[in-house]
Amino acid sequence: MERLIAAEIHEHLRYNGLLSGAQYGFIKGKSTRTNQLECITDWTITLQNKKSVTVAYIDFKKASGTVSHEKLFARLYSYGIRGTVLLWINNFH
């Protein structure tokens, strides 16, 4: 069921132009590993140009327990995710 919901949301976001070009993971050909390689390349170029780089890592798995579900559902609704899909997500949490 989770895969069906994720596929439905992805298709909706793609169709409506709501995915950023910076989105990685869950996008065909743009894995999180690809994102890491691009980051390393960007950081290397920045350092070669004698500029500084600041990196922050966030553990989203732990952070997901602190996400306001009310705000998450409001955001999904604002993106046009409604009806059965939103109800499934709401019941899942």
PDB file of N, CA and C in Angstrom:
ATOM      1  N   MET A   1       0.815  -1.181   0.000  1.00  0.00           N
ATOM      2  CA  MET A   1       0.000   0.000   0.000  1.00  0.00           C
ATOM      3  C   MET A   1       0.871   1.262   0.000  1.00  0.00           C
ATOM      4  N   GLU A   2       1.963   1.185   0.757  1.00  0.00           N
ATOM      5  CA  GLU A   2       2.866   2.333   0.840  1.00  0.00           C
ATOM      6  C   GLU A   2       3.424   2.691  -0.539  1.00  0.00           C
ATOM      7  N   ARG A   3       3.786   1.678  -1.316  1.00  0.00           N
ATOM      8  CA  ARG A   3       4.317   1.933  -2.667  1.00  0.00           C
ATOM      9  C   ARG A   3       3.270   2.562  -3.570  1.00  0.00           C
ATOM     10  N   LEU A   4       2.044   2.120  -3.452  1.00  0.00           N
ATOM     11  CA  LEU A   4       0.961   2.697  -4.265  1.00  0.00           C
ATOM     12  C   LEU A   4       0.751   4.169  -3.927  1.00  0.00           C
ATOM     13  N   ILE A   5       0.755   4.462  -2.642  1.00  0.00           N
ATOM     14  CA  ILE A   5       0.560   5.846  -2.200  1.00  0.00           C
ATOM     15  C   ILE A   5       1.725   6.711  -2.670  1.00  0.00           C
ATOM     16  N   ALA A   6       2.959   6.220  -2.477  1.00  0.00           N
ATOM     17  CA  ALA A   6       4.142   6.983  -2.902  1.00  0.00           C
ATOM     18  C   ALA A   6       4.112   7.221  -4.410  1.00  0.00           C
ATOM     19  N   ALA A   7       3.734   6.206  -5.181  1.00  0.00           N
ATOM     20  CA  ALA A   7       3.668   6.351  -6.641  1.00  0.00           C
ATOM     21  C   ALA A   7       2.609   7.359  -7.047  1.00  0.00           C
ATOM     22  N   GLU A   8       1.489   7.343  -6.376  1.00  0.00           N
ATOM     23  CA  GLU A   8       0.403   8.286  -6.670  1.00  0.00           C
ATOM     24  C   GLU A   8       0.826   9.725  -6.365  1.00  0.00           C
ATOM     25  N   ILE A   9       1.464   9.920  -5.230  1.00  0.00           N
ATOM     26  CA  ILE A   9       1.924  11.258  -4.849  1.00  0.00           C
ATOM     27  C   ILE A   9       3.009  11.734  -5.817  1.00  0.00           C
ATOM     28  N   HIS A  10       3.959  10.852  -6.134  1.00  0.00           N
ATOM     29  CA  HIS A  10       5.032  11.230  -7.056  1.00  0.00           C
ATOM     30  C   HIS A  10       4.459  11.651  -8.405  1.00  0.00           C
ATOM     31  N   GLU A  11       3.539  10.889  -8.931  1.00  0.00           N
ATOM     32  CA  GLU A  11       2.944  11.215 -10.230  1.00  0.00           C
ATOM     33  C   GLU A  11       2.210  12.555 -10.174  1.00  0.00           C
ATOM     34  N   HIS A  12       1.505  12.793  -9.112  1.00  0.00           N
ATOM     35  CA  HIS A  12       0.785  14.062  -8.946  1.00  0.00           C
ATOM     36  C   HIS A  12       1.765  15.241  -8.913  1.00  0.00           C
ATOM     37  N   LEU A  13       2.824  15.110  -8.104  1.00  0.00           N
ATOM     38  CA  LEU A  13       3.809  16.187  -7.986  1.00  0.00           C
ATOM     39  C   LEU A  13       4.534  16.427  -9.305  1.00  0.00           C
ATOM     40  N   ARG A  14       4.891  15.344  -9.995  1.00  0.00           N
ATOM     41  CA  ARG A  14       5.570  15.465 -11.292  1.00  0.00           C
ATOM     42  C   ARG A  14       4.640  16.114 -12.323  1.00  0.00           C
ATOM     43  N   TYR A  15       3.428  15.643 -12.403  1.00  0.00           N
ATOM     44  CA  TYR A  15       2.467  16.141 -13.390  1.00  0.00           C
ATOM     45  C   TYR A  15       2.187  17.633 -13.196  1.00  0.00           C
ATOM     46  N   ASN A  16       2.145  18.071 -11.948  1.00  0.00           N
ATOM     47  CA  ASN A  16       1.828  19.463 -11.638  1.00  0.00           C
ATOM     48  C   ASN A  16       3.057  20.354 -11.477  1.00  0.00           C
ATOM     49  N   GLY A  17       4.229  19.839 -11.827  1.00  0.00           N
ATOM     50  CA  GLY A  17       5.449  20.639 -11.772  1.00  0.00           C
ATOM     51  C   GLY A  17       5.842  21.061 -10.371  1.00  0.00           C
ATOM     52  N   LEU A  18       5.551  20.228  -9.378  1.00  0.00           N
ATOM     53  CA  LEU A  18       5.834  20.581  -7.991  1.00  0.00           C
ATOM     54  C   LEU A  18       7.128  19.972  -7.458  1.00  0.00           C
ATOM     55  N   LEU A  19       7.831  19.203  -8.291  1.00  0.00           N
ATOM     56  CA  LEU A  19       9.109  18.633  -7.860  1.00  0.00           C
ATOM     57  C   LEU A  19      10.240  19.578  -8.238  1.00  0.00           C
ATOM     58  N   SER A  20      11.107  19.834  -7.309  1.00  0.00           N
ATOM     59  CA  SER A  20      12.271  20.677  -7.543  1.00  0.00           C
ATOM     60  C   SER A  20      13.321  19.891  -8.320  1.00  0.00           C
ATOM     61  N   GLY A  21      14.087  20.579  -9.134  1.00  0.00           N
ATOM     62  CA  GLY A  21      15.201  19.947  -9.814  1.00  0.00           C
ATOM     63  C   GLY A  21      16.255  19.471  -8.834  1.00  0.00           C
ATOM     64  N   ALA A  22      16.207  19.970  -7.606  1.00  0.00           N
ATOM     65  CA  ALA A  22      17.145  19.567  -6.567  1.00  0.00           C
ATOM     66  C   ALA A  22      16.669  18.332  -5.812  1.00  0.00           C
ATOM     67  N   GLN A  23      15.517  17.789  -6.175  1.00  0.00           N
ATOM     68  CA  GLN A  23      14.976  16.606  -5.504  1.00  0.00           C
ATOM     69  C   GLN A  23      15.782  15.365  -5.875  1.00  0.00           C
ATOM     70  N   TYR A  24      16.217  14.638  -4.882  1.00  0.00           N
ATOM     71  CA  TYR A  24      16.927  13.370  -5.075  1.00  0.00           C
ATOM     72  C   TYR A  24      16.226  12.318  -4.244  1.00  0.00           C
ATOM     73  N   GLY A  25      16.493  11.087  -4.554  1.00  0.00           N
ATOM     74  CA  GLY A  25      15.819  10.006  -3.854  1.00  0.00           C
ATOM     75  C   GLY A  25      14.393   9.926  -4.360  1.00  0.00           C
ATOM     76  N   PHE A  26      13.945   8.765  -4.659  1.00  0.00           N
ATOM     77  CA  PHE A  26      12.598   8.511  -5.171  1.00  0.00           C
ATOM     78  C   PHE A  26      12.391   9.069  -6.570  1.00  0.00           C
ATOM     79  N   ILE A  27      13.462   9.549  -7.209  1.00  0.00           N
ATOM     80  CA  ILE A  27      13.385  10.066  -8.569  1.00  0.00           C
ATOM     81  C   ILE A  27      14.274   9.172  -9.433  1.00  0.00           C
ATOM     82  N   LYS A  28      13.732   8.652 -10.515  1.00  0.00           N
ATOM     83  CA  LYS A  28      14.502   7.752 -11.381  1.00  0.00           C
ATOM     84  C   LYS A  28      15.761   8.462 -11.885  1.00  0.00           C
ATOM     85  N   GLY A  29      16.902   7.806 -11.686  1.00  0.00           N
ATOM     86  CA  GLY A  29      18.177   8.352 -12.134  1.00  0.00           C
ATOM     87  C   GLY A  29      18.768   9.411 -11.216  1.00  0.00           C
ATOM     88  N   LYS A  30      18.108   9.707 -10.094  1.00  0.00           N
ATOM     89  CA  LYS A  30      18.618  10.729  -9.167  1.00  0.00           C
ATOM     90  C   LYS A  30      18.549  10.174  -7.741  1.00  0.00           C
ATOM     91  N   SER A  31      19.449   9.252  -7.458  1.00  0.00           N
ATOM     92  CA  SER A  31      19.464   8.624  -6.143  1.00  0.00           C
ATOM     93  C   SER A  31      20.127   9.536  -5.114  1.00  0.00           C
ATOM     94  N   THR A  32      20.014   9.142  -3.866  1.00  0.00           N
ATOM     95  CA  THR A  32      20.703   9.907  -2.823  1.00  0.00           C
ATOM     96  C   THR A  32      22.211   9.764  -2.994  1.00  0.00           C
ATOM     97  N   ARG A  33      22.665   8.652  -3.575  1.00  0.00           N
ATOM     98  CA  ARG A  33      24.101   8.474  -3.842  1.00  0.00           C
ATOM     99  C   ARG A  33      24.552   9.486  -4.900  1.00  0.00           C
ATOM    100  N   THR A  34      23.744   9.692  -5.934  1.00  0.00           N
ATOM    101  CA  THR A  34      24.051  10.700  -6.954  1.00  0.00           C
ATOM    102  C   THR A  34      24.140  12.079  -6.318  1.00  0.00           C
ATOM    103  N   ASN A  35      23.228  12.357  -5.407  1.00  0.00           N
ATOM    104  CA  ASN A  35      23.244  13.639  -4.701  1.00  0.00           C
ATOM    105  C   ASN A  35      24.539  13.816  -3.924  1.00  0.00           C
ATOM    106  N   GLN A  36      24.993  12.768  -3.257  1.00  0.00           N
ATOM    107  CA  GLN A  36      26.243  12.847  -2.497  1.00  0.00           C
ATOM    108  C   GLN A  36      27.430  13.139  -3.419  1.00  0.00           C
ATOM    109  N   LEU A  37      27.470  12.481  -4.560  1.00  0.00           N
ATOM    110  CA  LEU A  37      28.568  12.707  -5.506  1.00  0.00           C
ATOM    111  C   LEU A  37      28.552  14.139  -6.036  1.00  0.00           C
ATOM    112  N   GLU A  38      27.377  14.657  -6.339  1.00  0.00           N
ATOM    113  CA  GLU A  38      27.286  16.046  -6.807  1.00  0.00           C
ATOM    114  C   GLU A  38      27.700  17.019  -5.711  1.00  0.00           C
ATOM    115  N   CYS A  39      27.338  16.718  -4.474  1.00  0.00           N
ATOM    116  CA  CYS A  39      27.743  17.582  -3.355  1.00  0.00           C
ATOM    117  C   CYS A  39      29.256  17.605  -3.212  1.00  0.00           C
ATOM    118  N   ILE A  40      29.882  16.443  -3.263  1.00  0.00           N
ATOM    119  CA  ILE A  40      31.340  16.375  -3.142  1.00  0.00           C
ATOM    120  C   ILE A  40      32.002  17.176  -4.260  1.00  0.00           C
ATOM    121  N   THR A  41      31.473  17.063  -5.463  1.00  0.00           N
ATOM    122  CA  THR A  41      32.015  17.831  -6.589  1.00  0.00           C
ATOM    123  C   THR A  41      31.879  19.325  -6.329  1.00  0.00           C
ATOM    124  N   ASP A  42      30.701  19.766  -5.894  1.00  0.00           N
ATOM    125  CA  ASP A  42      30.474  21.188  -5.604  1.00  0.00           C
ATOM    126  C   ASP A  42      31.398  21.675  -4.496  1.00  0.00           C
ATOM    127  N   TRP A  43      31.542  20.873  -3.433  1.00  0.00           N
ATOM    128  CA  TRP A  43      32.405  21.264  -2.321  1.00  0.00           C
ATOM    129  C   TRP A  43      33.854  21.365  -2.773  1.00  0.00           C
ATOM    130  N   THR A  44      34.292  20.419  -3.584  1.00  0.00           N
ATOM    131  CA  THR A  44      35.670  20.424  -4.077  1.00  0.00           C
ATOM    132  C   THR A  44      35.945  21.680  -4.894  1.00  0.00           C
ATOM    133  N   ILE A  45      35.046  22.017  -5.788  1.00  0.00           N
ATOM    134  CA  ILE A  45      35.203  23.228  -6.611  1.00  0.00           C
ATOM    135  C   ILE A  45      35.230  24.468  -5.731  1.00  0.00           C
ATOM    136  N   THR A  46      34.364  24.515  -4.745  1.00  0.00           N
ATOM    137  CA  THR A  46      34.316  25.659  -3.836  1.00  0.00           C
ATOM    138  C   THR A  46      35.630  25.796  -3.070  1.00  0.00           C
ATOM    139  N   LEU A  47      36.139  24.680  -2.556  1.00  0.00           N
ATOM    140  CA  LEU A  47      37.399  24.717  -1.821  1.00  0.00           C
ATOM    141  C   LEU A  47      38.577  25.067  -2.726  1.00  0.00           C
ATOM    142  N   GLN A  48      38.559  24.591  -3.959  1.00  0.00           N
ATOM    143  CA  GLN A  48      39.625  24.939  -4.908  1.00  0.00           C
ATOM    144  C   GLN A  48      39.629  26.435  -5.211  1.00  0.00           C
ATOM    145  N   ASN A  49      38.460  27.056  -5.114  1.00  0.00           N
ATOM    146  CA  ASN A  49      38.347  28.504  -5.313  1.00  0.00           C
ATOM    147  C   ASN A  49      38.597  29.270  -4.015  1.00  0.00           C
ATOM    148  N   LYS A  50      39.142  28.557  -3.015  1.00  0.00           N
ATOM    149  CA  LYS A  50      39.532  29.134  -1.725  1.00  0.00           C
ATOM    150  C   LYS A  50      38.357  29.787  -0.982  1.00  0.00           C
ATOM    151  N   LYS A  51      37.205  29.166  -1.101  1.00  0.00           N
ATOM    152  CA  LYS A  51      36.022  29.593  -0.352  1.00  0.00           C
ATOM    153  C   LYS A  51      35.692  28.513   0.663  1.00  0.00           C
ATOM    154  N   SER A  52      34.915  28.860   1.647  1.00  0.00           N
ATOM    155  CA  SER A  52      34.590  27.893   2.702  1.00  0.00           C
ATOM    156  C   SER A  52      33.286  27.152   2.377  1.00  0.00           C
ATOM    157  N   VAL A  53      33.160  26.003   3.005  1.00  0.00           N
ATOM    158  CA  VAL A  53      31.968  25.166   2.847  1.00  0.00           C
ATOM    159  C   VAL A  53      31.471  24.802   4.235  1.00  0.00           C
ATOM    160  N   THR A  54      30.190  24.954   4.470  1.00  0.00           N
ATOM    161  CA  THR A  54      29.571  24.522   5.716  1.00  0.00           C
ATOM    162  C   THR A  54      28.542  23.457   5.367  1.00  0.00           C
ATOM    163  N   VAL A  55      28.599  22.345   6.080  1.00  0.00           N
ATOM    164  CA  VAL A  55      27.699  21.228   5.807  1.00  0.00           C
ATOM    165  C   VAL A  55      26.973  20.868   7.097  1.00  0.00           C
ATOM    166  N   ALA A  56      25.673  20.650   7.008  1.00  0.00           N
ATOM    167  CA  ALA A  56      24.882  20.203   8.156  1.00  0.00           C
ATOM    168  C   ALA A  56      24.194  18.895   7.782  1.00  0.00           C
ATOM    169  N   TYR A  57      24.308  17.910   8.644  1.00  0.00           N
ATOM    170  CA  TYR A  57      23.648  16.625   8.437  1.00  0.00           C
ATOM    171  C   TYR A  57      22.484  16.522   9.405  1.00  0.00           C
ATOM    172  N   ILE A  58      21.374  16.039   8.906  1.00  0.00           N
ATOM    173  CA  ILE A  58      20.176  15.913   9.734  1.00  0.00           C
ATOM    174  C   ILE A  58      19.691  14.474   9.658  1.00  0.00           C
ATOM    175  N   ASP A  59      19.386  13.896  10.792  1.00  0.00           N
ATOM    176  CA  ASP A  59      18.844  12.536  10.838  1.00  0.00           C
ATOM    177  C   ASP A  59      17.327  12.629  10.725  1.00  0.00           C
ATOM    178  N   PHE A  60      16.834  12.548   9.482  1.00  0.00           N
ATOM    179  CA  PHE A  60      15.406  12.716   9.250  1.00  0.00           C
ATOM    180  C   PHE A  60      14.587  11.565   9.820  1.00  0.00           C
ATOM    181  N   LYS A  61      15.184  10.385   9.948  1.00  0.00           N
ATOM    182  CA  LYS A  61      14.447   9.260  10.506  1.00  0.00           C
ATOM    183  C   LYS A  61      14.035   9.578  11.938  1.00  0.00           C
ATOM    184  N   LYS A  62      14.972  10.131  12.707  1.00  0.00           N
ATOM    185  CA  LYS A  62      14.641  10.522  14.070  1.00  0.00           C
ATOM    186  C   LYS A  62      13.739  11.756  14.088  1.00  0.00           C
ATOM    187  N   ALA A  63      13.956  12.660  13.140  1.00  0.00           N
ATOM    188  CA  ALA A  63      13.165  13.888  13.101  1.00  0.00           C
ATOM    189  C   ALA A  63      11.729  13.633  12.707  1.00  0.00           C
ATOM    190  N   SER A  64      11.470  12.540  11.974  1.00  0.00           N
ATOM    191  CA  SER A  64      10.109  12.294  11.488  1.00  0.00           C
ATOM    192  C   SER A  64       9.116  12.134  12.625  1.00  0.00           C
ATOM    193  N   GLY A  65       9.582  11.691  13.778  1.00  0.00           N
ATOM    194  CA  GLY A  65       8.689  11.557  14.927  1.00  0.00           C
ATOM    195  C   GLY A  65       8.295  12.893  15.519  1.00  0.00           C
ATOM    196  N   THR A  66       8.988  13.962  15.149  1.00  0.00           N
ATOM    197  CA  THR A  66       8.678  15.273  15.699  1.00  0.00           C
ATOM    198  C   THR A  66       7.925  16.175  14.718  1.00  0.00           C
ATOM    199  N   VAL A  67       7.651  15.653  13.517  1.00  0.00           N
ATOM    200  CA  VAL A  67       6.936  16.436  12.507  1.00  0.00           C
ATOM    201  C   VAL A  67       5.489  16.619  12.937  1.00  0.00           C
ATOM    202  N   SER A  68       4.999  17.831  12.838  1.00  0.00           N
ATOM    203  CA  SER A  68       3.596  18.100  13.128  1.00  0.00           C
ATOM    204  C   SER A  68       2.750  17.493  12.015  1.00  0.00           C
ATOM    205  N   HIS A  69       1.972  16.477  12.350  1.00  0.00           N
ATOM    206  CA  HIS A  69       1.140  15.823  11.344  1.00  0.00           C
ATOM    207  C   HIS A  69       0.098  16.787  10.787  1.00  0.00           C
ATOM    208  N   GLU A  70      -0.373  17.666  11.626  1.00  0.00           N
ATOM    209  CA  GLU A  70      -1.353  18.667  11.175  1.00  0.00           C
ATOM    210  C   GLU A  70      -0.750  19.542  10.071  1.00  0.00           C
ATOM    211  N   LYS A  71       0.487  20.009  10.282  1.00  0.00           N
ATOM    212  CA  LYS A  71       1.156  20.826   9.264  1.00  0.00           C
ATOM    213  C   LYS A  71       1.485  20.016   8.017  1.00  0.00           C
ATOM    214  N   LEU A  72       1.899  18.754   8.205  1.00  0.00           N
ATOM    215  CA  LEU A  72       2.202  17.887   7.066  1.00  0.00           C
ATOM    216  C   LEU A  72       0.963  17.705   6.196  1.00  0.00           C
ATOM    217  N   PHE A  73      -0.179  17.407   6.803  1.00  0.00           N
ATOM    218  CA  PHE A  73      -1.403  17.204   6.031  1.00  0.00           C
ATOM    219  C   PHE A  73      -1.865  18.494   5.366  1.00  0.00           C
ATOM    220  N   ALA A  74      -1.666  19.625   6.040  1.00  0.00           N
ATOM    221  CA  ALA A  74      -2.014  20.916   5.431  1.00  0.00           C
ATOM    222  C   ALA A  74      -1.131  21.176   4.216  1.00  0.00           C
ATOM    223  N   ARG A  75       0.157  20.842   4.303  1.00  0.00           N
ATOM    224  CA  ARG A  75       1.075  21.036   3.176  1.00  0.00           C
ATOM    225  C   ARG A  75       0.699  20.121   2.013  1.00  0.00           C
ATOM    226  N   LEU A  76       0.428  18.847   2.326  1.00  0.00           N
ATOM    227  CA  LEU A  76       0.013  17.918   1.277  1.00  0.00           C
ATOM    228  C   LEU A  76      -1.266  18.403   0.597  1.00  0.00           C
ATOM    229  N   TYR A  77      -2.202  18.888   1.396  1.00  0.00           N
ATOM    230  CA  TYR A  77      -3.457  19.407   0.852  1.00  0.00           C
ATOM    231  C   TYR A  77      -3.191  20.602  -0.066  1.00  0.00           C
ATOM    232  N   SER A  78      -2.262  21.478   0.348  1.00  0.00           N
ATOM    233  CA  SER A  78      -1.950  22.656  -0.471  1.00  0.00           C
ATOM    234  C   SER A  78      -1.300  22.262  -1.799  1.00  0.00           C
ATOM    235  N   TYR A  79      -0.663  21.086  -1.832  1.00  0.00           N
ATOM    236  CA  TYR A  79      -0.070  20.572  -3.070  1.00  0.00           C
ATOM    237  C   TYR A  79      -1.087  19.821  -3.916  1.00  0.00           C
ATOM    238  N   GLY A  80      -2.327  19.788  -3.442  1.00  0.00           N
ATOM    239  CA  GLY A  80      -3.377  19.123  -4.215  1.00  0.00           C
ATOM    240  C   GLY A  80      -3.541  17.651  -3.903  1.00  0.00           C
ATOM    241  N   ILE A  81      -2.890  17.177  -2.858  1.00  0.00           N
ATOM    242  CA  ILE A  81      -3.036  15.775  -2.440  1.00  0.00           C
ATOM    243  C   ILE A  81      -4.265  15.723  -1.549  1.00  0.00           C
ATOM    244  N   ARG A  82      -5.301  15.111  -2.080  1.00  0.00           N
ATOM    245  CA  ARG A  82      -6.584  15.111  -1.367  1.00  0.00           C
ATOM    246  C   ARG A  82      -7.271  13.767  -1.525  1.00  0.00           C
ATOM    247  N   GLY A  83      -8.475  13.697  -1.034  1.00  0.00           N
ATOM    248  CA  GLY A  83      -9.293  12.503  -1.236  1.00  0.00           C
ATOM    249  C   GLY A  83      -8.715  11.276  -0.563  1.00  0.00           C
ATOM    250  N   THR A  84      -8.835  10.156  -1.259  1.00  0.00           N
ATOM    251  CA  THR A  84      -8.455   8.859  -0.704  1.00  0.00           C
ATOM    252  C   THR A  84      -6.986   8.801  -0.313  1.00  0.00           C
ATOM    253  N   VAL A  85      -6.115   9.358  -1.139  1.00  0.00           N
ATOM    254  CA  VAL A  85      -4.681   9.305  -0.836  1.00  0.00           C
ATOM    255  C   VAL A  85      -4.381  10.017   0.479  1.00  0.00           C
ATOM    256  N   LEU A  86      -4.936  11.198   0.676  1.00  0.00           N
ATOM    257  CA  LEU A  86      -4.694  11.931   1.921  1.00  0.00           C
ATOM    258  C   LEU A  86      -5.300  11.182   3.111  1.00  0.00           C
ATOM    259  N   LEU A  87      -6.450  10.574   2.912  1.00  0.00           N
ATOM    260  CA  LEU A  87      -7.055   9.776   3.990  1.00  0.00           C
ATOM    261  C   LEU A  87      -6.179   8.579   4.352  1.00  0.00           C
ATOM    262  N   TRP A  88      -5.604   7.919   3.343  1.00  0.00           N
ATOM    263  CA  TRP A  88      -4.710   6.792   3.620  1.00  0.00           C
ATOM    264  C   TRP A  88      -3.521   7.246   4.445  1.00  0.00           C
ATOM    265  N   ILE A  89      -2.931   8.363   4.057  1.00  0.00           N
ATOM    266  CA  ILE A  89      -1.758   8.875   4.779  1.00  0.00           C
ATOM    267  C   ILE A  89      -2.152   9.248   6.207  1.00  0.00           C
ATOM    268  N   ASN A  90      -3.279   9.899   6.350  1.00  0.00           N
ATOM    269  CA  ASN A  90      -3.761  10.296   7.669  1.00  0.00           C
ATOM    270  C   ASN A  90      -3.989   9.079   8.559  1.00  0.00           C
ATOM    271  N   ASN A  91      -4.548   8.020   7.999  1.00  0.00           N
ATOM    272  CA  ASN A  91      -4.795   6.805   8.778  1.00  0.00           C
ATOM    273  C   ASN A  91      -3.506   6.051   9.093  1.00  0.00           C
ATOM    274  N   PHE A  92      -2.487   6.239   8.265  1.00  0.00           N
ATOM    275  CA  PHE A  92      -1.212   5.544   8.446  1.00  0.00           C
ATOM    276  C   PHE A  92      -0.440   6.069   9.635  1.00  0.00           C
ATOM    277  N   HIS A  93      -0.526   7.367   9.874  1.00  0.00           N
ATOM    278  CA  HIS A  93       0.305   7.938  10.944  1.00  0.00           C
ATOM    279  C   HIS A  93      -0.226   7.484  12.265  1.00  0.00           C
TER     280      HIS A  93
END
